[in-house]
Amino acid sequence: MPFYPPTVDEVNKLVIDQGSFFIDKHEAFSVLWDVPMLELRDDGHKRARFVSGPAIAVAEYMISENFGEGAAKEFFRRFIELVRKFLVAGDEFYTFHRVISLIRK
């Protein structure tokens, strides 16, 4: 089952179609994903588990239901290891956020 966050246009369309609000501002920005873990730069495994957490939270149920709990555990074990290698190589993950200010009609 695919999962994707909505685009800015999709969010704007939903708000407009619903009809109760005007969009005052709609901004997007990114933040280094593991900012709370910066003091653990040398512990790649802890950082990888932290960075992987949101993806696991979103996908674990879908994968477990379709492929079984054992397959999900193995998938995420491998996923965390790939993230660890990525981080150890000096690459960084960013998380994207949106701030939407609405005004009631």
Protein backbone atom coordinates (compact mmCIF):
# COMPACT_ATOMS: atom_id res chain seq x y z
CA MET A 1 0.00 0.00 0.00
CA PRO A 2 1.67 3.25 -1.08
CA PHE A 3 1.97 6.13 1.33
CA TYR A 4 2.84 9.68 0.39
CA PRO A 5 2.34 13.07 2.00
CA PRO A 6 -0.02 15.41 0.16
CA THR A 7 1.41 18.14 -2.05
CA VAL A 8 0.88 21.82 -1.30
CA ASP A 9 -1.67 21.95 -4.14
CA GLU A 10 -3.58 18.95 -2.74
CA VAL A 11 -3.79 20.52 0.72
CA ASN A 12 -4.87 23.86 -0.72
CA LYS A 13 -7.55 22.17 -2.85
CA LEU A 14 -8.91 20.27 0.17
CA VAL A 15 -9.16 23.45 2.24
CA ILE A 16 -10.80 25.36 -0.61
CA ASP A 17 -13.21 22.51 -1.45
CA GLN A 18 -14.21 22.12 2.21
CA GLY A 19 -15.14 25.80 2.21
CA SER A 20 -14.88 26.79 5.88
CA PHE A 21 -11.50 28.55 5.75
CA PHE A 22 -9.33 30.93 3.78
CA ILE A 23 -5.65 30.04 3.50
CA ASP A 24 -3.67 32.86 5.10
CA LYS A 25 -0.20 31.27 4.72
CA HIS A 26 1.11 27.90 3.65
CA GLU A 27 4.84 27.43 4.16
CA ALA A 28 7.13 24.43 3.87
CA PHE A 29 10.56 24.03 5.44
CA SER A 30 13.06 21.31 6.29
CA VAL A 31 14.91 20.44 9.50
CA LEU A 32 17.82 18.10 10.04
CA TRP A 33 16.03 14.92 11.14
CA ASP A 34 18.35 13.91 13.96
CA VAL A 35 18.92 17.29 15.64
CA PRO A 36 18.06 15.82 19.08
CA MET A 37 20.76 13.18 18.50
CA LEU A 38 23.61 15.48 17.41
CA GLU A 39 25.55 14.74 20.60
CA LEU A 40 25.59 11.07 19.53
CA ARG A 41 27.36 11.68 16.21
CA ASP A 42 29.69 8.75 16.96
CA ASP A 43 26.89 6.25 17.66
CA GLY A 44 25.56 5.43 14.21
CA HIS A 45 23.21 2.69 15.41
CA LYS A 46 21.33 4.92 17.90
CA ARG A 47 21.09 7.71 15.33
CA ALA A 48 19.86 5.25 12.69
CA ARG A 49 17.17 3.89 15.04
CA PHE A 50 16.07 7.46 15.85
CA VAL A 51 15.94 8.54 12.18
CA SER A 52 14.15 5.31 11.18
CA GLY A 53 11.49 5.61 13.89
CA PRO A 54 8.89 7.67 12.00
CA ALA A 55 9.15 5.50 8.86
CA ILE A 56 8.75 2.38 10.98
CA ALA A 57 5.77 3.89 12.81
CA VAL A 58 4.01 4.61 9.51
CA ALA A 59 4.84 1.42 7.61
CA GLU A 60 5.13 -1.31 10.26
CA TYR A 61 1.43 -2.15 10.42
CA MET A 62 1.05 -2.24 6.62
CA ILE A 63 4.07 -4.50 6.15
CA SER A 64 3.15 -6.79 9.07
CA GLU A 65 -0.42 -7.22 7.83
CA ASN A 66 0.68 -8.05 4.29
CA PHE A 67 3.85 -10.06 4.86
CA GLY A 68 3.77 -11.16 8.51
CA GLU A 69 5.45 -9.90 11.65
CA GLY A 70 8.68 -11.82 11.04
CA ALA A 71 9.11 -10.32 7.59
CA ALA A 72 8.43 -6.83 8.96
CA LYS A 73 11.07 -7.24 11.69
CA GLU A 74 13.66 -8.40 9.16
CA PHE A 75 12.74 -5.60 6.75
CA PHE A 76 13.18 -2.93 9.42
CA ARG A 77 16.40 -4.50 10.72
CA ARG A 78 17.81 -4.14 7.20
CA PHE A 79 16.33 -0.67 6.81
CA ILE A 80 17.98 0.55 10.03
CA GLU A 81 21.31 -0.89 8.87
CA LEU A 82 21.03 0.95 5.54
CA VAL A 83 20.23 4.19 7.36
CA ARG A 84 23.22 3.63 9.67
CA LYS A 85 25.54 3.21 6.67
CA PHE A 86 24.09 6.34 5.10
CA LEU A 87 24.69 8.37 8.28
CA VAL A 88 28.19 6.98 8.86
CA ALA A 89 29.08 8.03 5.30
CA GLY A 90 28.34 11.62 6.35
CA ASP A 91 24.99 11.96 4.63
CA GLU A 92 22.08 13.55 6.47
CA PHE A 93 18.32 13.12 6.53
CA TYR A 94 15.97 16.07 6.51
CA THR A 95 12.35 16.06 7.51
CA PHE A 96 9.93 18.39 5.80
CA HIS A 97 7.27 20.32 7.67
CA ARG A 98 4.36 22.51 6.72
CA VAL A 99 2.83 25.38 8.58
CA ILE A 100 -0.65 26.35 7.44
CA SER A 101 -2.42 29.40 8.80
CA LEU A 102 -6.18 29.34 8.18
CA ILE A 103 -8.83 32.00 8.73
CA ARG A 104 -12.40 30.91 9.39
CA LYS A 105 -14.86 32.29 6.82
